[in-house]
Amino acid sequence: MSRYVCDFLVNLSPQHVRSPLRKILAACGLEPIYDLEDYLMAREIPGRVSFTRLVTAEVLIDTTNATDAAVKLSFVLKNEELPLNANNHCRQVFDLLRLTIAHEDEWQPLNSLQSNSPFTKAIASSAAESVTSPIAAARSAILN
């Protein structure tokens, strides 16, 4: 089973995080299937990949420590595929989600709480590049 985890601190209140969160998940090919006040579950739309490769995303909205200016979001992306390759389908969707969050105009992450990963360094080094080209390329590679 593949499983990838990351946390983000974003500059929105818990009441205003829902709509941008749904938009980001939809941009990554994930549709919400379960929605509570502090938890959201989304799954990849069936039909593009085999059943074992379908990705499920869980998002915990930390309302206990949230302020009116910031909220912590914990993401867990998983599927039933064995992670035999470092660049498996679940990892590709995870990377797409992190890239989409990092470049979201309406929803600026204040802090990515997984700072020592190579992907964080890749985001930092590509910050000066065009915003839409890396996201569009990643989306087309994963979702098509």
C-alpha atoms as a PDB file:
ATOM      1  CA  MET A   1       0.000   0.000   0.000  1.00  0.00           C
ATOM      2  CA  SER A   2       1.344   3.412  -0.977  1.00  0.00           C
ATOM      3  CA  ARG A   3       0.860   6.215   1.529  1.00  0.00           C
ATOM      4  CA  TYR A   4       2.132   9.799   1.432  1.00  0.00           C
ATOM      5  CA  VAL A   5       1.607  12.470   4.096  1.00  0.00           C
ATOM      6  CA  CYS A   6       2.143  16.230   4.236  1.00  0.00           C
ATOM      7  CA  ASP A   7       0.929  19.158   6.322  1.00  0.00           C
ATOM      8  CA  PHE A   8       0.273  22.728   5.255  1.00  0.00           C
ATOM      9  CA  LEU A   9      -0.423  25.845   7.277  1.00  0.00           C
ATOM     10  CA  VAL A  10      -2.598  28.099   5.100  1.00  0.00           C
ATOM     11  CA  ASN A  11      -3.741  31.678   5.549  1.00  0.00           C
ATOM     12  CA  LEU A  12      -7.473  31.019   5.708  1.00  0.00           C
ATOM     13  CA  SER A  13      -9.913  30.532   8.530  1.00  0.00           C
ATOM     14  CA  PRO A  14     -11.512  27.080   8.919  1.00  0.00           C
ATOM     15  CA  GLN A  15     -14.816  28.533   7.684  1.00  0.00           C
ATOM     16  CA  HIS A  16     -13.282  29.686   4.371  1.00  0.00           C
ATOM     17  CA  VAL A  17     -11.029  26.727   3.574  1.00  0.00           C
ATOM     18  CA  ARG A  18     -13.702  24.395   2.123  1.00  0.00           C
ATOM     19  CA  SER A  19     -14.247  25.930  -1.307  1.00  0.00           C
ATOM     20  CA  PRO A  20     -10.550  26.353  -2.204  1.00  0.00           C
ATOM     21  CA  LEU A  21      -9.818  22.865  -0.833  1.00  0.00           C
ATOM     22  CA  ARG A  22     -12.486  21.314  -3.059  1.00  0.00           C
ATOM     23  CA  LYS A  23     -11.131  23.298  -6.028  1.00  0.00           C
ATOM     24  CA  ILE A  24      -7.578  22.038  -5.410  1.00  0.00           C
ATOM     25  CA  LEU A  25      -8.733  18.429  -5.035  1.00  0.00           C
ATOM     26  CA  ALA A  26     -10.786  18.692  -8.245  1.00  0.00           C
ATOM     27  CA  ALA A  27      -7.761  20.100 -10.090  1.00  0.00           C
ATOM     28  CA  CYS A  28      -5.892  16.943  -9.068  1.00  0.00           C
ATOM     29  CA  GLY A  29      -8.641  14.644 -10.349  1.00  0.00           C
ATOM     30  CA  LEU A  30     -10.094  13.876  -6.900  1.00  0.00           C
ATOM     31  CA  GLU A  31     -13.806  14.119  -6.049  1.00  0.00           C
ATOM     32  CA  PRO A  32     -15.089  14.539  -2.467  1.00  0.00           C
ATOM     33  CA  ILE A  33     -16.994  11.517  -1.161  1.00  0.00           C
ATOM     34  CA  TYR A  34     -17.190  12.293   2.569  1.00  0.00           C
ATOM     35  CA  ASP A  35     -17.293  15.726   4.169  1.00  0.00           C
ATOM     36  CA  LEU A  36     -17.401  16.724   7.849  1.00  0.00           C
ATOM     37  CA  GLU A  37     -16.563  19.967   9.619  1.00  0.00           C
ATOM     38  CA  ASP A  38     -12.936  18.993  10.227  1.00  0.00           C
ATOM     39  CA  TYR A  39     -12.409  16.136   7.757  1.00  0.00           C
ATOM     40  CA  LEU A  40     -12.742  15.601   4.029  1.00  0.00           C
ATOM     41  CA  MET A  41     -12.215  12.419   2.026  1.00  0.00           C
ATOM     42  CA  ALA A  42     -11.861  12.420  -1.749  1.00  0.00           C
ATOM     43  CA  ARG A  43     -11.099   9.708  -4.273  1.00  0.00           C
ATOM     44  CA  GLU A  44      -9.756   9.577  -7.750  1.00  0.00           C
ATOM     45  CA  ILE A  45     -12.416   9.277 -10.414  1.00  0.00           C
ATOM     46  CA  PRO A  46     -12.594   5.623 -11.566  1.00  0.00           C
ATOM     47  CA  GLY A  47     -11.827   4.785 -15.169  1.00  0.00           C
ATOM     48  CA  ARG A  48      -8.396   6.296 -15.726  1.00  0.00           C
ATOM     49  CA  VAL A  49      -6.327   3.737 -13.839  1.00  0.00           C
ATOM     50  CA  SER A  50      -6.830   0.234 -12.466  1.00  0.00           C
ATOM     51  CA  PHE A  51      -8.786  -0.220  -9.238  1.00  0.00           C
ATOM     52  CA  THR A  52      -5.699  -0.865  -7.068  1.00  0.00           C
ATOM     53  CA  ARG A  53      -4.071   2.340  -8.321  1.00  0.00           C
ATOM     54  CA  LEU A  54      -7.053   4.592  -7.467  1.00  0.00           C
ATOM     55  CA  VAL A  55      -5.899   7.232  -4.981  1.00  0.00           C
ATOM     56  CA  THR A  56      -7.863   8.215  -1.885  1.00  0.00           C
ATOM     57  CA  ALA A  57      -7.088  11.539  -0.187  1.00  0.00           C
ATOM     58  CA  GLU A  58      -7.923  12.316   3.416  1.00  0.00           C
ATOM     59  CA  VAL A  59      -7.681  15.882   4.668  1.00  0.00           C
ATOM     60  CA  LEU A  60      -7.788  16.710   8.375  1.00  0.00           C
ATOM     61  CA  ILE A  61      -8.654  20.342   9.060  1.00  0.00           C
ATOM     62  CA  ASP A  62      -7.189  21.147  12.474  1.00  0.00           C
ATOM     63  CA  THR A  63      -9.965  23.296  13.919  1.00  0.00           C
ATOM     64  CA  THR A  64      -8.705  22.914  17.502  1.00  0.00           C
ATOM     65  CA  ASN A  65      -5.587  25.043  16.950  1.00  0.00           C
ATOM     66  CA  ALA A  66      -6.908  27.200  14.107  1.00  0.00           C
ATOM     67  CA  THR A  67      -7.100  30.971  14.252  1.00  0.00           C
ATOM     68  CA  ASP A  68      -9.074  33.419  12.129  1.00  0.00           C
ATOM     69  CA  ALA A  69      -5.938  33.918  10.027  1.00  0.00           C
ATOM     70  CA  ALA A  70      -4.518  30.391   9.644  1.00  0.00           C
ATOM     71  CA  VAL A  71      -5.427  26.712   9.744  1.00  0.00           C
ATOM     72  CA  LYS A  72      -3.323  23.553   9.550  1.00  0.00           C
ATOM     73  CA  LEU A  73      -4.300  20.954   6.960  1.00  0.00           C
ATOM     74  CA  SER A  74      -2.957  17.399   7.093  1.00  0.00           C
ATOM     75  CA  PHE A  75      -3.109  15.413   3.854  1.00  0.00           C
ATOM     76  CA  VAL A  76      -2.849  11.627   3.541  1.00  0.00           C
ATOM     77  CA  LEU A  77      -2.887  10.163   0.030  1.00  0.00           C
ATOM     78  CA  LYS A  78      -2.989   6.396  -0.331  1.00  0.00           C
ATOM     79  CA  ASN A  79      -3.878   3.539  -2.624  1.00  0.00           C
ATOM     80  CA  GLU A  80      -3.604  -0.247  -2.731  1.00  0.00           C
ATOM     81  CA  GLU A  81      -0.700  -0.273  -5.174  1.00  0.00           C
ATOM     82  CA  LEU A  82       2.574  -1.627  -3.807  1.00  0.00           C
ATOM     83  CA  PRO A  83       5.183   1.142  -4.026  1.00  0.00           C
ATOM     84  CA  LEU A  84       7.674  -0.924  -6.015  1.00  0.00           C
ATOM     85  CA  ASN A  85       8.806   2.170  -7.924  1.00  0.00           C
ATOM     86  CA  ALA A  86       9.657   5.495  -6.308  1.00  0.00           C
ATOM     87  CA  ASN A  87       7.583   7.245  -8.981  1.00  0.00           C
ATOM     88  CA  ASN A  88       4.352   5.257  -8.614  1.00  0.00           C
ATOM     89  CA  HIS A  89       0.869   6.595  -9.409  1.00  0.00           C
ATOM     90  CA  CYS A  90       0.076   7.557  -5.804  1.00  0.00           C
ATOM     91  CA  ARG A  91       3.341   9.519  -5.579  1.00  0.00           C
ATOM     92  CA  GLN A  92       2.528  11.314  -8.843  1.00  0.00           C
ATOM     93  CA  VAL A  93      -0.882  12.421  -7.535  1.00  0.00           C
ATOM     94  CA  PHE A  94       0.735  13.434  -4.213  1.00  0.00           C
ATOM     95  CA  ASP A  95       3.340  15.541  -6.038  1.00  0.00           C
ATOM     96  CA  LEU A  96       0.618  17.104  -8.197  1.00  0.00           C
ATOM     97  CA  LEU A  97      -1.385  18.008  -5.081  1.00  0.00           C
ATOM     98  CA  ARG A  98       1.627  19.631  -3.407  1.00  0.00           C
ATOM     99  CA  LEU A  99       2.515  21.529  -6.581  1.00  0.00           C
ATOM    100  CA  THR A 100      -1.070  22.719  -6.988  1.00  0.00           C
ATOM    101  CA  ILE A 101      -1.214  23.931  -3.370  1.00  0.00           C
ATOM    102  CA  ALA A 102       2.141  25.693  -3.693  1.00  0.00           C
ATOM    103  CA  HIS A 103       0.966  27.611  -6.762  1.00  0.00           C
ATOM    104  CA  GLU A 104      -2.657  28.285  -5.789  1.00  0.00           C
ATOM    105  CA  ASP A 105      -3.400  31.996  -6.235  1.00  0.00           C
ATOM    106  CA  GLU A 106      -6.358  32.279  -3.852  1.00  0.00           C
ATOM    107  CA  TRP A 107      -4.873  30.039  -1.170  1.00  0.00           C
ATOM    108  CA  GLN A 108      -1.324  30.840  -0.147  1.00  0.00           C
ATOM    109  CA  PRO A 109       0.385  28.230   2.048  1.00  0.00           C
ATOM    110  CA  LEU A 110       2.197  29.902   4.939  1.00  0.00           C
ATOM    111  CA  ASN A 111       4.312  26.849   5.626  1.00  0.00           C
ATOM    112  CA  SER A 112       4.835  23.367   4.287  1.00  0.00           C
ATOM    113  CA  LEU A 113       5.564  21.286   7.347  1.00  0.00           C
ATOM    114  CA  GLN A 114       7.539  18.687   5.368  1.00  0.00           C
ATOM    115  CA  SER A 115      10.520  20.899   4.672  1.00  0.00           C
ATOM    116  CA  ASN A 116      13.402  18.465   4.117  1.00  0.00           C
ATOM    117  CA  SER A 117      11.946  16.532   1.206  1.00  0.00           C
ATOM    118  CA  PRO A 118      13.477  16.776  -2.279  1.00  0.00           C
ATOM    119  CA  PHE A 119      10.077  17.843  -3.609  1.00  0.00           C
ATOM    120  CA  THR A 120      10.047  20.936  -1.361  1.00  0.00           C
ATOM    121  CA  LYS A 121      13.440  21.886  -2.776  1.00  0.00           C
ATOM    122  CA  ALA A 122      12.087  21.373  -6.300  1.00  0.00           C
ATOM    123  CA  ILE A 123       9.159  23.707  -5.558  1.00  0.00           C
ATOM    124  CA  ALA A 124      11.508  26.332  -4.158  1.00  0.00           C
ATOM    125  CA  SER A 125      13.828  26.133  -7.159  1.00  0.00           C
ATOM    126  CA  SER A 126      10.943  26.387  -9.620  1.00  0.00           C
ATOM    127  CA  ALA A 127       9.303  29.364  -7.927  1.00  0.00           C
ATOM    128  CA  ALA A 128      10.836  31.757 -10.431  1.00  0.00           C
ATOM    129  CA  GLU A 129       9.521  29.718 -13.377  1.00  0.00           C
ATOM    130  CA  SER A 130       6.091  29.982 -14.942  1.00  0.00           C
ATOM    131  CA  VAL A 131       3.300  28.970 -12.583  1.00  0.00           C
ATOM    132  CA  THR A 132       1.054  27.227 -15.078  1.00  0.00           C
ATOM    133  CA  SER A 133       3.565  25.247 -17.114  1.00  0.00           C
ATOM    134  CA  PRO A 134       4.783  22.785 -14.421  1.00  0.00           C
ATOM    135  CA  ILE A 135       1.263  22.263 -13.084  1.00  0.00           C
ATOM    136  CA  ALA A 136      -0.243  21.815 -16.543  1.00  0.00           C
ATOM    137  CA  ALA A 137       2.501  19.370 -17.521  1.00  0.00           C
ATOM    138  CA  ALA A 138       2.068  17.330 -14.322  1.00  0.00           C
ATOM    139  CA  ARG A 139      -1.717  17.271 -14.644  1.00  0.00           C
ATOM    140  CA  SER A 140      -1.624  16.137 -18.248  1.00  0.00           C
ATOM    141  CA  ALA A 141       0.914  13.413 -17.454  1.00  0.00           C
ATOM    142  CA  ILE A 142      -1.116  12.029 -14.543  1.00  0.00           C
ATOM    143  CA  LEU A 143      -4.725  12.669 -15.509  1.00  0.00           C
ATOM    144  CA  ASN A 144      -4.594  11.793 -19.202  1.00  0.00           C
END
